[in-house]
Structures are given as C-alpha cells and as structure tokens.
All heavy atoms as atom14 arrays in JSON, in Angstrom:
{
  "sequence": "RTYPVGKISKEAQKIIDVCRESFFAGIENARVGKRLSDIS",
  "atom14_mask": [
    [1, 1, 1, 1, 1, 1, 1, 1, 1, 1, 1, 0, 0, 0],
    [1, 1, 1, 1, 1, 1, 1, 0, 0, 0, 0, 0, 0, 0],
    [1, 1, 1, 1, 1, 1, 1, 1, 1, 1, 1, 1, 0, 0],
    [1, 1, 1, 1, 1, 1, 1, 0, 0, 0, 0, 0, 0, 0],
    [1, 1, 1, 1, 1, 1, 1, 0, 0, 0, 0, 0, 0, 0],
    [1, 1, 1, 1, 0, 0, 0, 0, 0, 0, 0, 0, 0, 0],
    [1, 1, 1, 1, 1, 1, 1, 1, 1, 0, 0, 0, 0, 0],
    [1, 1, 1, 1, 1, 1, 1, 1, 0, 0, 0, 0, 0, 0],
    [1, 1, 1, 1, 1, 1, 0, 0, 0, 0, 0, 0, 0, 0],
    [1, 1, 1, 1, 1, 1, 1, 1, 1, 0, 0, 0, 0, 0],
    [1, 1, 1, 1, 1, 1, 1, 1, 1, 0, 0, 0, 0, 0],
    [1, 1, 1, 1, 1, 0, 0, 0, 0, 0, 0, 0, 0, 0],
    [1, 1, 1, 1, 1, 1, 1, 1, 1, 0, 0, 0, 0, 0],
    [1, 1, 1, 1, 1, 1, 1, 1, 1, 0, 0, 0, 0, 0],
    [1, 1, 1, 1, 1, 1, 1, 1, 0, 0, 0, 0, 0, 0],
    [1, 1, 1, 1, 1, 1, 1, 1, 0, 0, 0, 0, 0, 0],
    [1, 1, 1, 1, 1, 1, 1, 1, 0, 0, 0, 0, 0, 0],
    [1, 1, 1, 1, 1, 1, 1, 0, 0, 0, 0, 0, 0, 0],
    [1, 1, 1, 1, 1, 1, 0, 0, 0, 0, 0, 0, 0, 0],
    [1, 1, 1, 1, 1, 1, 1, 1, 1, 1, 1, 0, 0, 0],
    [1, 1, 1, 1, 1, 1, 1, 1, 1, 0, 0, 0, 0, 0],
    [1, 1, 1, 1, 1, 1, 0, 0, 0, 0, 0, 0, 0, 0],
    [1, 1, 1, 1, 1, 1, 1, 1, 1, 1, 1, 0, 0, 0],
    [1, 1, 1, 1, 1, 1, 1, 1, 1, 1, 1, 0, 0, 0],
    [1, 1, 1, 1, 1, 0, 0, 0, 0, 0, 0, 0, 0, 0],
    [1, 1, 1, 1, 0, 0, 0, 0, 0, 0, 0, 0, 0, 0],
    [1, 1, 1, 1, 1, 1, 1, 1, 0, 0, 0, 0, 0, 0],
    [1, 1, 1, 1, 1, 1, 1, 1, 1, 0, 0, 0, 0, 0],
    [1, 1, 1, 1, 1, 1, 1, 1, 0, 0, 0, 0, 0, 0],
    [1, 1, 1, 1, 1, 0, 0, 0, 0, 0, 0, 0, 0, 0],
    [1, 1, 1, 1, 1, 1, 1, 1, 1, 1, 1, 0, 0, 0],
    [1, 1, 1, 1, 1, 1, 1, 0, 0, 0, 0, 0, 0, 0],
    [1, 1, 1, 1, 0, 0, 0, 0, 0, 0, 0, 0, 0, 0],
    [1, 1, 1, 1, 1, 1, 1, 1, 1, 0, 0, 0, 0, 0],
    [1, 1, 1, 1, 1, 1, 1, 1, 1, 1, 1, 0, 0, 0],
    [1, 1, 1, 1, 1, 1, 1, 1, 0, 0, 0, 0, 0, 0],
    [1, 1, 1, 1, 1, 1, 0, 0, 0, 0, 0, 0, 0, 0],
    [1, 1, 1, 1, 1, 1, 1, 1, 0, 0, 0, 0, 0, 0],
    [1, 1, 1, 1, 1, 1, 1, 1, 0, 0, 0, 0, 0, 0],
    [1, 1, 1, 1, 1, 1, 0, 0, 0, 0, 0, 0, 0, 0]
  ],
  "atom14_positions": [
    [[-9.81, -49.81, 106.89], [-8.77, -50.21, 107.82], [-7.94, -51.33, 107.18], [-8.45, -52.09, 106.35], [-9.35, -50.74, 109.14], [-10.29, -49.8, 109.86], [-9.56, -48.68, 110.57], [-10.48, -47.91, 111.39], [-11.16, -46.84, 110.94], [-11.0, -46.43, 109.7], [-11.99, -46.19, 111.75], [0.0, 0.0, 0.0], [0.0, 0.0, 0.0], [0.0, 0.0, 0.0]],
    [[-6.69, -51.45, 107.62], [-5.87, -52.6, 107.25], [-5.63, -53.44, 108.49], [-5.25, -52.9, 109.54], [-4.54, -52.15, 106.63], [-4.8, -51.36, 105.47], [-3.71, -53.37, 106.22], [0.0, 0.0, 0.0], [0.0, 0.0, 0.0], [0.0, 0.0, 0.0], [0.0, 0.0, 0.0], [0.0, 0.0, 0.0], [0.0, 0.0, 0.0], [0.0, 0.0, 0.0]],
    [[-5.88, -54.76, 108.35], [-5.84, -55.68, 109.49], [-4.74, -56.73, 109.32], [-4.48, -57.18, 108.21], [-7.18, -56.43, 109.61], [-8.38, -55.54, 109.74], [-9.12, -55.16, 108.62], [-8.81, -55.09, 110.99], [-10.24, -54.35, 108.74], [-9.94, -54.27, 111.12], [-10.64, -53.9, 109.99], [-11.74, -53.11, 110.11], [0.0, 0.0, 0.0], [0.0, 0.0, 0.0]],
    [[-4.15, -57.14, 110.44], [-3.25, -58.3, 110.39], [-4.06, -59.58, 110.33], [-5.16, -59.67, 110.89], [-2.49, -58.2, 111.72], [-3.47, -57.55, 112.65], [-4.26, -56.58, 111.8], [0.0, 0.0, 0.0], [0.0, 0.0, 0.0], [0.0, 0.0, 0.0], [0.0, 0.0, 0.0], [0.0, 0.0, 0.0], [0.0, 0.0, 0.0], [0.0, 0.0, 0.0]],
    [[-3.54, -60.56, 109.63], [-4.17, -61.89, 109.61], [-3.27, -62.81, 110.44], [-2.19, -63.2, 110.01], [-4.32, -62.43, 108.18], [-5.02, -63.8, 108.21], [-5.11, -61.46, 107.32], [0.0, 0.0, 0.0], [0.0, 0.0, 0.0], [0.0, 0.0, 0.0], [0.0, 0.0, 0.0], [0.0, 0.0, 0.0], [0.0, 0.0, 0.0], [0.0, 0.0, 0.0]],
    [[-3.71, -63.09, 111.66], [-2.87, -63.86, 112.57], [-1.62, -63.08, 112.94], [-1.63, -61.85, 113.05], [0.0, 0.0, 0.0], [0.0, 0.0, 0.0], [0.0, 0.0, 0.0], [0.0, 0.0, 0.0], [0.0, 0.0, 0.0], [0.0, 0.0, 0.0], [0.0, 0.0, 0.0], [0.0, 0.0, 0.0], [0.0, 0.0, 0.0], [0.0, 0.0, 0.0]],
    [[-0.53, -63.79, 113.11], [0.74, -63.17, 113.45], [1.42, -62.68, 112.18], [1.59, -63.43, 111.23], [1.64, -64.18, 114.17], [2.95, -63.58, 114.68], [3.76, -64.6, 115.45], [5.06, -64.0, 115.97], [5.88, -64.99, 116.74], [0.0, 0.0, 0.0], [0.0, 0.0, 0.0], [0.0, 0.0, 0.0], [0.0, 0.0, 0.0], [0.0, 0.0, 0.0]],
    [[1.82, -61.42, 112.18], [2.45, -60.84, 110.99], [3.86, -60.36, 111.33], [4.23, -60.25, 112.5], [1.62, -59.69, 110.41], [1.5, -58.53, 111.42], [0.23, -60.18, 110.0], [0.83, -57.28, 110.85], [0.0, 0.0, 0.0], [0.0, 0.0, 0.0], [0.0, 0.0, 0.0], [0.0, 0.0, 0.0], [0.0, 0.0, 0.0], [0.0, 0.0, 0.0]],
    [[4.63, -60.05, 110.3], [6.0, -59.59, 110.49], [6.02, -58.18, 111.07], [5.04, -57.43, 110.99], [6.74, -59.59, 109.15], [6.2, -58.6, 108.28], [0.0, 0.0, 0.0], [0.0, 0.0, 0.0], [0.0, 0.0, 0.0], [0.0, 0.0, 0.0], [0.0, 0.0, 0.0], [0.0, 0.0, 0.0], [0.0, 0.0, 0.0], [0.0, 0.0, 0.0]],
    [[7.17, -57.82, 111.63], [7.35, -56.46, 112.15], [7.19, -55.43, 111.03], [6.65, -54.34, 111.23], [8.72, -56.31, 112.81], [8.87, -57.08, 114.11], [10.25, -56.88, 114.71], [10.4, -57.64, 116.02], [11.75, -57.47, 116.61], [0.0, 0.0, 0.0], [0.0, 0.0, 0.0], [0.0, 0.0, 0.0], [0.0, 0.0, 0.0], [0.0, 0.0, 0.0]],
    [[7.67, -55.79, 109.84], [7.59, -54.88, 108.7], [6.13, -54.65, 108.3], [5.72, -53.52, 107.99], [8.38, -55.44, 107.52], [9.87, -55.47, 107.72], [10.35, -56.65, 108.59], [9.55, -57.56, 108.87], [11.53, -56.63, 108.99], [0.0, 0.0, 0.0], [0.0, 0.0, 0.0], [0.0, 0.0, 0.0], [0.0, 0.0, 0.0], [0.0, 0.0, 0.0]],
    [[5.34, -55.72, 108.32], [3.93, -55.59, 107.97], [3.19, -54.76, 109.01], [2.34, -53.93, 108.67], [3.3, -56.97, 107.82], [0.0, 0.0, 0.0], [0.0, 0.0, 0.0], [0.0, 0.0, 0.0], [0.0, 0.0, 0.0], [0.0, 0.0, 0.0], [0.0, 0.0, 0.0], [0.0, 0.0, 0.0], [0.0, 0.0, 0.0], [0.0, 0.0, 0.0]],
    [[3.51, -54.99, 110.28], [2.86, -54.2, 111.33], [3.24, -52.73, 111.22], [2.4, -51.84, 111.45], [3.24, -54.74, 112.71], [2.47, -54.08, 113.86], [0.98, -54.32, 113.76], [0.53, -55.46, 113.73], [0.19, -53.24, 113.72], [0.0, 0.0, 0.0], [0.0, 0.0, 0.0], [0.0, 0.0, 0.0], [0.0, 0.0, 0.0], [0.0, 0.0, 0.0]],
    [[4.48, -52.47, 110.84], [4.92, -51.09, 110.74], [4.15, -50.34, 109.66], [3.73, -49.19, 109.87], [6.42, -51.0, 110.46], [6.93, -49.56, 110.4], [8.43, -49.47, 110.15], [8.86, -48.01, 110.08], [10.32, -47.87, 109.79], [0.0, 0.0, 0.0], [0.0, 0.0, 0.0], [0.0, 0.0, 0.0], [0.0, 0.0, 0.0], [0.0, 0.0, 0.0]],
    [[3.92, -50.96, 108.51], [3.22, -50.23, 107.45], [1.77, -49.96, 107.84], [1.22, -48.91, 107.54], [3.32, -50.96, 106.09], [2.9, -50.01, 104.96], [2.49, -52.23, 106.05], [3.13, -50.57, 103.57], [0.0, 0.0, 0.0], [0.0, 0.0, 0.0], [0.0, 0.0, 0.0], [0.0, 0.0, 0.0], [0.0, 0.0, 0.0], [0.0, 0.0, 0.0]],
    [[1.15, -50.89, 108.58], [-0.21, -50.65, 109.1], [-0.19, -49.46, 110.05], [-1.03, -48.55, 109.96], [-0.75, -51.9, 109.81], [-1.0, -53.03, 108.8], [-2.03, -51.58, 110.57], [-1.4, -54.35, 109.46], [0.0, 0.0, 0.0], [0.0, 0.0, 0.0], [0.0, 0.0, 0.0], [0.0, 0.0, 0.0], [0.0, 0.0, 0.0], [0.0, 0.0, 0.0]],
    [[0.76, -49.46, 110.97], [0.82, -48.4, 111.99], [1.11, -47.04, 111.37], [0.48, -46.03, 111.72], [1.89, -48.73, 113.02], [1.55, -49.95, 113.87], [0.36, -50.34, 113.9], [2.47, -50.51, 114.5], [0.0, 0.0, 0.0], [0.0, 0.0, 0.0], [0.0, 0.0, 0.0], [0.0, 0.0, 0.0], [0.0, 0.0, 0.0], [0.0, 0.0, 0.0]],
    [[2.06, -47.0, 110.44], [2.45, -45.72, 109.84], [1.32, -45.17, 108.97], [1.11, -43.95, 108.93], [3.76, -45.86, 109.05], [4.04, -44.6, 108.23], [4.92, -46.15, 109.99], [0.0, 0.0, 0.0], [0.0, 0.0, 0.0], [0.0, 0.0, 0.0], [0.0, 0.0, 0.0], [0.0, 0.0, 0.0], [0.0, 0.0, 0.0], [0.0, 0.0, 0.0]],
    [[0.58, -46.03, 108.3], [-0.54, -45.55, 107.5], [-1.57, -44.85, 108.39], [-2.05, -43.75, 108.08], [-1.18, -46.72, 106.74], [-2.32, -46.19, 105.45], [0.0, 0.0, 0.0], [0.0, 0.0, 0.0], [0.0, 0.0, 0.0], [0.0, 0.0, 0.0], [0.0, 0.0, 0.0], [0.0, 0.0, 0.0], [0.0, 0.0, 0.0], [0.0, 0.0, 0.0]],
    [[-1.87, -45.48, 109.53], [-2.81, -44.86, 110.47], [-2.23, -43.55, 111.02], [-2.94, -42.54, 111.11], [-3.09, -45.83, 111.62], [-4.09, -45.32, 112.65], [-4.34, -46.35, 113.74], [-5.38, -45.92, 114.67], [-5.18, -45.11, 115.7], [-3.95, -44.64, 115.94], [-6.17, -44.77, 116.5], [0.0, 0.0, 0.0], [0.0, 0.0, 0.0], [0.0, 0.0, 0.0]],
    [[-0.97, -43.55, 111.37], [-0.34, -42.33, 111.9], [-0.33, -41.22, 110.87], [-0.45, -40.03, 111.21], [1.08, -42.66, 112.36], [1.13, -43.56, 113.6], [2.48, -44.22, 113.8], [3.43, -43.89, 113.05], [2.58, -45.1, 114.69], [0.0, 0.0, 0.0], [0.0, 0.0, 0.0], [0.0, 0.0, 0.0], [0.0, 0.0, 0.0], [0.0, 0.0, 0.0]],
    [[-0.19, -41.58, 109.59], [-0.2, -40.58, 108.52], [-1.56, -39.9, 108.43], [-1.66, -38.69, 108.19], [0.15, -41.24, 107.18], [1.47, -41.77, 107.21], [0.0, 0.0, 0.0], [0.0, 0.0, 0.0], [0.0, 0.0, 0.0], [0.0, 0.0, 0.0], [0.0, 0.0, 0.0], [0.0, 0.0, 0.0], [0.0, 0.0, 0.0], [0.0, 0.0, 0.0]],
    [[-2.62, -40.68, 108.62], [-3.96, -40.1, 108.66], [-4.05, -39.05, 109.76], [-4.54, -37.93, 109.53], [-5.02, -41.19, 108.88], [-6.37, -40.65, 109.23], [-7.25, -40.27, 108.24], [-6.75, -40.51, 110.56], [-8.5, -39.74, 108.56], [-8.0, -39.99, 110.89], [-8.87, -39.61, 109.88], [0.0, 0.0, 0.0], [0.0, 0.0, 0.0], [0.0, 0.0, 0.0]],
    [[-3.61, -39.4, 110.95], [-3.74, -38.47, 112.07], [-2.83, -37.26, 111.9], [-3.17, -36.15, 112.34], [-3.51, -39.19, 113.39], [-4.7, -40.0, 113.81], [-4.75, -41.37, 113.6], [-5.8, -39.38, 114.37], [-5.87, -42.1, 113.95], [-6.93, -40.11, 114.73], [-6.96, -41.48, 114.52], [0.0, 0.0, 0.0], [0.0, 0.0, 0.0], [0.0, 0.0, 0.0]],
    [[-1.69, -37.44, 111.23], [-0.85, -36.28, 110.9], [-1.61, -35.35, 109.96], [-1.56, -34.12, 110.12], [0.45, -36.74, 110.27], [0.0, 0.0, 0.0], [0.0, 0.0, 0.0], [0.0, 0.0, 0.0], [0.0, 0.0, 0.0], [0.0, 0.0, 0.0], [0.0, 0.0, 0.0], [0.0, 0.0, 0.0], [0.0, 0.0, 0.0], [0.0, 0.0, 0.0]],
    [[-2.33, -35.94, 109.02], [-3.1, -35.14, 108.07], [-4.2, -34.35, 108.73], [-4.36, -33.14, 108.47], [0.0, 0.0, 0.0], [0.0, 0.0, 0.0], [0.0, 0.0, 0.0], [0.0, 0.0, 0.0], [0.0, 0.0, 0.0], [0.0, 0.0, 0.0], [0.0, 0.0, 0.0], [0.0, 0.0, 0.0], [0.0, 0.0, 0.0], [0.0, 0.0, 0.0]],
    [[-4.97, -34.99, 109.62], [-6.12, -34.28, 110.16], [-5.73, -33.26, 111.23], [-6.59, -32.48, 111.66], [-7.21, -35.22, 110.68], [-6.77, -36.01, 111.92], [-7.73, -36.12, 109.59], [-7.96, -36.54, 112.67], [0.0, 0.0, 0.0], [0.0, 0.0, 0.0], [0.0, 0.0, 0.0], [0.0, 0.0, 0.0], [0.0, 0.0, 0.0], [0.0, 0.0, 0.0]],
    [[-4.49, -33.22, 111.63], [-4.04, -32.09, 112.45], [-4.24, -30.78, 111.69], [-4.32, -29.7, 112.28], [-2.57, -32.26, 112.84], [-2.33, -33.26, 113.94], [-2.97, -32.82, 115.25], [-2.82, -31.64, 115.63], [-3.65, -33.66, 115.88], [0.0, 0.0, 0.0], [0.0, 0.0, 0.0], [0.0, 0.0, 0.0], [0.0, 0.0, 0.0], [0.0, 0.0, 0.0]],
    [[-4.3, -30.91, 110.36], [-4.48, -29.73, 109.5], [-5.9, -29.61, 108.95], [-6.16, -28.77, 108.1], [-3.48, -29.78, 108.35], [-2.05, -29.67, 108.83], [-1.56, -28.57, 109.06], [-1.39, -30.81, 109.01], [0.0, 0.0, 0.0], [0.0, 0.0, 0.0], [0.0, 0.0, 0.0], [0.0, 0.0, 0.0], [0.0, 0.0, 0.0], [0.0, 0.0, 0.0]],
    [[-6.81, -30.45, 109.41], [-8.19, -30.42, 108.93], [-8.99, -29.43, 109.78], [-9.91, -29.8, 110.51], [-8.8, -31.82, 108.98], [0.0, 0.0, 0.0], [0.0, 0.0, 0.0], [0.0, 0.0, 0.0], [0.0, 0.0, 0.0], [0.0, 0.0, 0.0], [0.0, 0.0, 0.0], [0.0, 0.0, 0.0], [0.0, 0.0, 0.0], [0.0, 0.0, 0.0]],
    [[-8.61, -28.18, 109.68], [-9.17, -27.14, 110.54], [-9.52, -25.91, 109.71], [-8.89, -25.63, 108.68], [-8.18, -26.75, 111.64], [-7.82, -27.92, 112.56], [-6.74, -27.57, 113.56], [-6.34, -28.74, 114.33], [-7.0, -29.18, 115.4], [-8.06, -28.53, 115.84], [-6.58, -30.25, 116.04], [0.0, 0.0, 0.0], [0.0, 0.0, 0.0], [0.0, 0.0, 0.0]],
    [[-10.51, -25.19, 110.18], [-10.96, -23.99, 109.5], [-9.78, -23.04, 109.28], [-8.98, -22.8, 110.19], [-12.07, -23.3, 110.32], [-12.38, -21.92, 109.75], [-13.32, -24.16, 110.33], [0.0, 0.0, 0.0], [0.0, 0.0, 0.0], [0.0, 0.0, 0.0], [0.0, 0.0, 0.0], [0.0, 0.0, 0.0], [0.0, 0.0, 0.0], [0.0, 0.0, 0.0]],
    [[-9.69, -22.52, 108.06], [-8.63, -21.59, 107.72], [-7.43, -22.23, 107.06], [-6.68, -21.56, 106.34], [0.0, 0.0, 0.0], [0.0, 0.0, 0.0], [0.0, 0.0, 0.0], [0.0, 0.0, 0.0], [0.0, 0.0, 0.0], [0.0, 0.0, 0.0], [0.0, 0.0, 0.0], [0.0, 0.0, 0.0], [0.0, 0.0, 0.0], [0.0, 0.0, 0.0]],
    [[-7.23, -23.52, 107.32], [-6.16, -24.24, 106.62], [-6.58, -24.47, 105.17], [-7.76, -24.38, 104.82], [-5.91, -25.59, 107.3], [-5.27, -25.5, 108.66], [-3.77, -25.27, 108.55], [-3.05, -25.48, 109.85], [-1.58, -25.34, 109.71], [0.0, 0.0, 0.0], [0.0, 0.0, 0.0], [0.0, 0.0, 0.0], [0.0, 0.0, 0.0], [0.0, 0.0, 0.0]],
    [[-5.59, -24.78, 104.34], [-5.89, -25.14, 102.96], [-5.87, -26.66, 102.79], [-5.23, -27.38, 103.56], [-4.91, -24.47, 101.99], [-5.11, -22.95, 101.93], [-4.37, -22.35, 100.76], [-4.55, -20.91, 100.69], [-5.56, -20.31, 100.06], [-6.48, -21.04, 99.45], [-5.64, -18.99, 100.02], [0.0, 0.0, 0.0], [0.0, 0.0, 0.0], [0.0, 0.0, 0.0]],
    [[-6.58, -27.11, 101.76], [-6.73, -28.55, 101.56], [-5.39, -29.27, 101.47], [-5.2, -30.34, 102.05], [-7.55, -28.81, 100.29], [-7.99, -30.25, 100.06], [-9.04, -30.66, 101.08], [-8.54, -30.41, 98.64], [0.0, 0.0, 0.0], [0.0, 0.0, 0.0], [0.0, 0.0, 0.0], [0.0, 0.0, 0.0], [0.0, 0.0, 0.0], [0.0, 0.0, 0.0]],
    [[-4.44, -28.68, 100.76], [-3.17, -29.36, 100.57], [-2.33, -29.42, 101.85], [-1.33, -30.15, 101.9], [-2.35, -28.71, 99.45], [-1.84, -27.46, 99.86], [0.0, 0.0, 0.0], [0.0, 0.0, 0.0], [0.0, 0.0, 0.0], [0.0, 0.0, 0.0], [0.0, 0.0, 0.0], [0.0, 0.0, 0.0], [0.0, 0.0, 0.0], [0.0, 0.0, 0.0]],
    [[-2.72, -28.68, 102.88], [-2.02, -28.82, 104.16], [-2.23, -30.23, 104.72], [-1.32, -30.8, 105.34], [-2.53, -27.78, 105.16], [-2.21, -26.35, 104.76], [-1.22, -26.16, 104.01], [-2.94, -25.44, 105.18], [0.0, 0.0, 0.0], [0.0, 0.0, 0.0], [0.0, 0.0, 0.0], [0.0, 0.0, 0.0], [0.0, 0.0, 0.0], [0.0, 0.0, 0.0]],
    [[-3.42, -30.79, 104.51], [-3.68, -32.18, 104.9], [-2.79, -33.12, 104.09], [-2.1, -33.99, 104.63], [-5.17, -32.53, 104.68], [-6.08, -31.65, 105.53], [-5.41, -34.02, 104.96], [-7.55, -31.82, 105.22], [0.0, 0.0, 0.0], [0.0, 0.0, 0.0], [0.0, 0.0, 0.0], [0.0, 0.0, 0.0], [0.0, 0.0, 0.0], [0.0, 0.0, 0.0]],
    [[-2.81, -32.92, 102.78], [-2.06, -33.79, 101.87], [-0.57, -33.79, 102.21], [0.08, -34.85, 102.27], [-2.24, -33.31, 100.43], [-3.6, -33.17, 100.1], [0.0, 0.0, 0.0], [0.0, 0.0, 0.0], [0.0, 0.0, 0.0], [0.0, 0.0, 0.0], [0.0, 0.0, 0.0], [0.0, 0.0, 0.0], [0.0, 0.0, 0.0], [0.0, 0.0, 0.0]]
  ]
}
C-alpha cells in the first residue's frame, strides 16, 4: 500500500488513489477464460 504522511498535496493523493483504482481495473479481468495480458 502507499500511505500519506500527515497532510499531503492533492497531486500526491491523486497518485495514491489512481494506483489503487488501476489495481481494481485490472482485476475486473482476473477471471476464468480471460488472458493474463487483459489484466495488464
């Protein structure tokens, strides 16, 4: 995980949030029958 240290900038919070969202976008494709690169 990536954590904020105290109060952080909006830009720093955005990169944390988008990284997490990217993971969840990836695992939408982590399903039987899909190919590995669909996650990527």
